[in-house]
Structure formats: C-alpha cells, structure tokens
Protein backbone atom coordinates (compact mmCIF):
# COMPACT_ATOMS: atom_id res chain seq x y z
CA MET A 1 0.19 0.06 -0.05
CA ASN A 2 0.87 3.65 -0.72
CA THR A 3 2.90 4.91 2.26
CA ARG A 4 0.70 8.37 1.99
CA HIS A 5 -2.03 6.97 4.07
CA GLY A 6 0.01 6.62 6.68
CA PRO A 7 0.64 3.33 9.20
CA ARG A 8 -2.01 0.98 9.02
CA PRO A 9 -3.42 0.64 12.55
CA ALA A 10 -4.49 -3.27 14.19
CA LEU A 11 -7.80 -3.33 12.74
CA GLY A 12 -8.99 -6.83 14.19
CA TRP A 13 -9.81 -9.70 12.03
CA LYS A 14 -13.51 -8.84 11.41
CA SER A 15 -12.36 -5.35 9.61
CA LEU A 16 -9.27 -6.16 8.24
CA LEU A 17 -11.04 -9.31 6.18
CA ALA A 18 -13.49 -6.95 5.09
CA GLY A 19 -10.70 -4.58 3.30
CA CYS A 20 -8.99 -7.47 2.07
CA LEU A 21 -12.12 -8.82 0.31
CA THR A 22 -12.72 -5.46 -1.12
CA LEU A 23 -9.18 -4.92 -2.91
CA SER A 24 -8.13 -8.74 -3.02
CA ALA A 25 -8.57 -8.15 -6.73
CA LEU A 26 -7.06 -5.18 -7.30
CA SER A 27 -3.34 -4.53 -7.90
CA THR A 28 -1.33 -2.81 -5.60
CA ALA A 29 -1.90 0.31 -7.75
CA GLN A 30 -5.87 0.05 -8.17
CA ALA A 31 -5.83 -1.18 -4.36
CA ASP A 32 -3.92 2.71 -4.06
CA ALA A 33 -5.99 4.41 -6.55
CA LEU A 34 -9.46 3.29 -4.80
CA LEU A 35 -7.86 4.14 -1.20
CA ASP A 36 -7.08 7.84 -2.80
CA GLN A 37 -10.24 8.20 -4.06
CA GLY A 38 -12.26 7.16 -1.12
CA LYS A 39 -9.99 9.04 1.29
CA GLN A 40 -10.61 12.43 -1.10
CA ILE A 41 -14.72 11.79 -1.11
CA TYR A 42 -14.37 10.94 3.13
CA THR A 43 -11.90 13.94 3.85
CA GLN A 44 -13.06 16.63 0.94
CA GLY A 45 -16.25 15.25 -0.67
CA ILE A 46 -16.71 15.91 -4.40
CA GLU A 47 -19.42 17.89 -6.43
CA GLY A 48 -22.58 17.03 -4.53
CA VAL A 49 -21.51 15.44 -1.79
CA PRO A 50 -20.40 16.71 1.19
CA ALA A 51 -16.72 15.54 3.18
CA CYS A 52 -18.20 12.64 5.62
CA LEU A 53 -15.86 13.77 8.07
CA ALA A 54 -18.06 16.70 8.71
CA CYS A 55 -20.60 14.55 10.34
CA HIS A 56 -18.57 11.30 10.71
CA GLY A 57 -15.66 12.55 12.60
CA ALA A 58 -12.14 12.21 10.76
CA GLN A 59 -11.53 9.20 12.33
CA GLY A 60 -14.84 7.73 11.47
CA GLU A 61 -15.57 7.82 14.89
CA GLY A 62 -19.20 9.49 14.56
CA SER A 63 -20.63 11.72 16.72
CA THR A 64 -22.42 10.81 19.81
CA ALA A 65 -23.65 14.12 20.88
CA ALA A 66 -24.67 14.87 17.43
CA ASN A 67 -26.20 11.01 16.85
CA PHE A 68 -23.89 10.46 13.77
CA PRO A 69 -23.06 6.92 14.62
CA TYR A 70 -19.65 5.75 13.77
CA LEU A 71 -18.41 4.16 10.51
CA ALA A 72 -15.02 2.96 10.99
CA GLY A 73 -14.88 -0.49 12.66
CA GLN A 74 -17.97 -1.72 10.26
CA SER A 75 -17.29 -3.95 7.50
CA ALA A 76 -16.82 -2.68 3.77
CA ALA A 77 -19.92 -4.61 2.44
CA TYR A 78 -22.14 -3.48 5.33
CA LEU A 79 -21.00 0.03 4.30
CA GLN A 80 -22.29 -0.57 0.80
CA GLU A 81 -24.82 -2.06 1.96
CA GLN A 82 -25.98 0.74 3.97
CA LEU A 83 -24.93 3.20 1.01
CA GLN A 84 -27.16 1.34 -1.43
CA SER A 85 -30.38 1.06 0.71
CA LEU A 86 -30.42 4.66 1.54
CA ALA A 87 -29.70 5.65 -2.30
CA ASP A 88 -32.80 3.18 -3.04
CA GLY A 89 -35.21 4.58 -0.29
CA GLY A 90 -34.97 1.11 1.51
CA ARG A 91 -33.97 2.74 4.29
CA GLN A 92 -34.89 6.55 5.51
CA ASN A 93 -32.72 9.02 6.75
CA ALA A 94 -33.11 12.58 5.09
CA ILE A 95 -29.60 13.59 5.31
CA MET A 96 -28.07 10.93 3.92
CA LYS A 97 -30.67 9.84 0.67
CA PRO A 98 -29.12 12.88 -1.45
CA ILE A 99 -25.40 12.09 -0.77
CA ALA A 100 -26.05 8.06 -1.29
CA SER A 101 -27.64 8.82 -4.33
CA ALA A 102 -24.99 11.25 -5.56
CA LEU A 103 -22.43 8.68 -5.06
CA SER A 104 -21.65 6.22 -8.14
CA ALA A 105 -21.14 2.27 -7.12
CA GLN A 106 -17.52 2.94 -7.44
CA GLN A 107 -17.60 5.93 -5.78
CA ARG A 108 -19.23 3.79 -2.87
CA GLN A 109 -16.72 0.96 -2.96
CA ALA A 110 -13.94 3.73 -2.74
CA VAL A 111 -15.43 5.24 0.12
CA THR A 112 -15.94 2.18 2.31
CA ALA A 113 -12.91 0.82 1.35
CA TYR A 114 -11.08 3.76 3.13
CA VAL A 115 -13.61 3.69 5.76
CA VAL A 116 -12.32 0.18 6.42
CA SER A 117 -8.55 1.61 6.56
CA LEU A 118 -9.87 3.53 9.90
CA PRO A 119 -8.92 2.29 13.52
CA ARG A 120 -11.62 1.07 15.57
CA PRO A 121 -13.20 3.76 17.51
CA TRP A 122 -12.66 1.10 20.54
CA ASP A 123 -10.81 -2.06 21.99
CA PRO A 124 -12.80 -5.08 21.03
CA VAL A 125 -10.64 -7.20 23.07
CA LYS A 126 -11.52 -5.34 26.12
CA LEU A 127 -15.67 -5.24 25.19
CA SER A 128 -15.38 -9.21 24.61
CA ALA A 129 -13.77 -9.26 27.96
CA LEU A 130 -16.02 -7.07 29.35
CA ALA A 131 -19.35 -9.23 28.35
CA GLN A 132 -18.20 -12.19 29.62
CA THR A 133 -19.65 -11.21 33.06
CA TYR A 134 -22.76 -12.88 33.52
CA PRO A 135 -25.35 -10.36 33.71
CA ASP A 136 -27.50 -9.14 36.74
CA ALA A 137 -31.06 -10.46 35.95
CA LYS A 138 -31.92 -6.59 37.26
CA ASP A 139 -29.92 -5.09 34.86
CA ALA A 140 -32.88 -5.29 31.86
CA GLY A 141 -30.31 -4.00 29.33
CA ALA A 142 -27.64 -5.89 30.08
CA TRP A 143 -29.36 -9.13 30.41
CA LEU A 144 -31.43 -8.51 27.30
CA ALA A 145 -28.30 -7.95 25.16
CA ASN A 146 -26.74 -11.06 27.01
CA ARG A 147 -29.44 -13.74 27.36
CA GLY A 148 -32.30 -12.83 25.44
CA ASP A 149 -35.93 -12.90 26.33
CA TRP A 150 -37.27 -15.98 25.51
CA SER A 151 -40.48 -15.43 26.81
CA ARG A 152 -40.99 -12.92 23.65
CA GLN A 153 -38.99 -15.51 21.53
CA VAL A 154 -36.32 -12.39 21.42
CA PRO A 155 -32.82 -14.08 21.04
CA ALA A 156 -29.73 -12.35 22.62
CA CYS A 157 -28.04 -9.78 20.84
CA THR A 158 -24.61 -10.69 21.00
CA GLN A 159 -26.04 -14.23 19.34
CA CYS A 160 -25.75 -12.11 16.12
CA HIS A 161 -23.69 -9.42 17.07
CA ALA A 162 -20.90 -10.75 19.16
CA ALA A 163 -20.11 -10.70 22.80
CA GLY A 164 -19.56 -6.92 23.96
CA GLY A 165 -21.29 -5.85 21.00
CA VAL A 166 -18.49 -6.13 18.64
CA GLY A 167 -19.89 -7.22 15.28
CA VAL A 168 -19.81 -10.27 13.24
CA GLY A 169 -18.49 -10.83 9.85
CA GLU A 170 -19.62 -8.94 6.73
CA HIS A 171 -23.29 -8.21 7.74
CA PHE A 172 -24.24 -8.18 11.43
CA PRO A 173 -22.64 -4.77 12.43
CA ALA A 174 -20.35 -3.31 15.70
CA ILE A 175 -22.88 -1.69 18.02
CA ALA A 176 -21.24 -1.25 21.12
CA GLY A 177 -20.76 2.63 21.72
CA LEU A 178 -23.61 3.76 19.00
CA SER A 179 -25.34 6.49 20.95
CA LYS A 180 -28.63 5.80 23.18
CA THR A 181 -30.66 8.13 20.66
CA TYR A 182 -29.48 6.19 17.51
CA ILE A 183 -29.93 2.81 18.46
CA VAL A 184 -33.67 3.65 19.51
CA GLU A 185 -34.13 5.70 16.57
CA GLN A 186 -33.17 2.66 14.71
CA PHE A 187 -35.41 0.00 16.26
CA LYS A 188 -38.54 3.11 15.45
CA LEU A 189 -37.50 2.40 11.83
CA TRP A 190 -37.75 -1.46 11.69
CA ARG A 191 -41.26 -1.01 13.38
CA GLN A 192 -42.43 1.11 10.81
CA GLY A 193 -40.85 -0.73 8.02
CA GLN A 194 -38.30 2.05 6.90
CA ARG A 195 -35.02 0.28 7.21
CA PRO A 196 -34.57 -2.78 5.82
CA ASN A 197 -34.48 -6.01 8.37
CA GLY A 198 -30.86 -7.45 7.80
CA PRO A 199 -30.20 -10.97 7.04
CA GLY A 200 -32.91 -13.73 7.63
CA GLU A 201 -35.19 -10.62 8.65
CA LEU A 202 -34.63 -10.47 11.91
CA MET A 203 -34.47 -7.19 13.12
CA GLY A 204 -37.95 -5.88 11.67
CA ASP A 205 -39.42 -8.81 14.08
CA ILE A 206 -37.41 -8.55 17.23
CA ALA A 207 -38.07 -4.61 16.85
CA LYS A 208 -41.90 -5.52 17.23
CA ARG A 209 -41.75 -7.89 20.02
CA LEU A 210 -39.85 -5.62 22.38
CA ASP A 211 -41.52 -3.14 24.22
CA ASP A 212 -39.93 0.48 24.74
CA ALA A 213 -38.84 -0.04 28.32
CA GLN A 214 -36.66 -2.87 26.89
CA ILE A 215 -35.20 -0.79 23.72
CA ASP A 216 -34.56 1.86 25.96
CA ALA A 217 -32.72 -0.57 28.47
CA VAL A 218 -30.57 -2.41 25.79
CA ALA A 219 -29.69 1.24 23.92
CA THR A 220 -28.51 2.14 27.23
CA TYR A 221 -26.50 -0.78 28.04
CA PHE A 222 -24.71 -0.78 24.54
CA ALA A 223 -24.13 2.91 24.46
CA GLY A 224 -22.38 2.52 27.43
CA LEU A 225 -20.06 -0.48 26.83
CA PRO A 226 -16.89 1.58 25.37
CA GLN A 227 -16.65 3.49 28.68
CA ALA A 228 -17.39 0.75 30.79
CA ALA A 229 -14.75 -1.22 29.18
CA ALA A 230 -12.41 1.69 29.40
CA THR A 231 -12.68 2.38 33.22
CA GLY A 232 -13.18 -1.50 34.12
CA ALA A 233 -16.57 -0.49 35.17
CA GLN A 234 -19.39 -2.94 34.95
CA PRO A 235 -22.24 -1.43 32.17
C-alpha cells in the first residue's frame, strides 16, 4: 500500500478481512487509487457530496452528541449495503439519501474501502472480555443483550452481534458505543418498515416483539459499553 495513507492500525480480523475482500481482486496500483479516491470523498467531498468527516469524524468515530454513528470498525460490505439502501429508499434518512444517491457504485466502494482502513473507535478485546461477566437479571439491558427474552422469543443481541457488540462478519454490524438515541431510532425505523431488516429479516421482527422499555434499556447498555470497558466498570 502507498505510504501516503500512513501506518495502518491494528483493525481486528473482521475489519481486516472485509478490507481484504474489497481490495483482493485489485492490483496494488488499483488498490492505492481506490483508497486515494475514497480518502478524497471522505475528507474533502466531491461535487454534490460533502465530506463524510463533517458528520462522522476524521477517523470515522462518529459523534454521540450530534447522533451521527461511527463508521470505522464496520465491514465494507455492510457499509455498502447501507449506502445502497439509503440511495434506493429502502432505508429512510433525509440527510443521507441525497448523499448516497449522488455516489456511484464505484465511489461507494472507494469510500467504504477507505473507512475500513481507519482504526476502530473502541477496543474489541476489552469489550468482549467485559461481556463475559454474567449479567444481573435485575439489569434489563444487560440481560436482554446477553441472555435475550425467550418469553417474547427474542434471542440475545450478542448471538448475532458478538460478545461486547463488536459485530460479526460482513453483515452483522458493531453496535457497542452507538449513541442511545441512535439505537432507539433504528428500532423505530424497523418497526415502521423504514429500514431493511437485515440477514434473515431478523430485526423488524425483533423490534416489534420488544416493548419501549426494553429497547431503551438495551440501547443504554450498548451505548455505555466502551466507557465501561475503558474504566473497568460494569456497564
């Protein structure tokens, strides 16, 4: 890779694999050109598309206060799926639709390849280790995240999103550290049919089975995981 992008951080095997799958069919020169194009889109923008970093941060870390999700740490395949869904209206978002629609398929590939090269905004090892603690049944969010609610036929969130909510493979995204408001909003979109339900059509069904208090509790749990992992406190 061209050293203009600086040293690559340790990404963890899932993000690294996603990046390899995106770039594996390309020559070194083509891969460098793709990353250069993606970096330009992300950091400077192009005609009709503002710089992604204006909302999602210079390192793809997002903004909890402004309710913009992090992008770094997600797989290229997942990010491209979301851009396509936003462009074709399958996922509703007034800010992102015109941006996604203005990008060509090749430009989406470029910008997601660049995002995958960015460091995660949290430590997956610490998050996974923290989640090994058996949750207190009185903590509704932790219990639902790690044990589920089988009275409502709802599996544990970690069965798909991994211990600590760090994501699995290409299509189950990381959710730890997303803002509580953002997570709750996504459940509302699934309930209303305004966001694709993902692999196995799972999320729309799960969103309808959970009540508002459960959604609030599990959103609070996942939003607080990175800070809990950093301080060694229980989430």
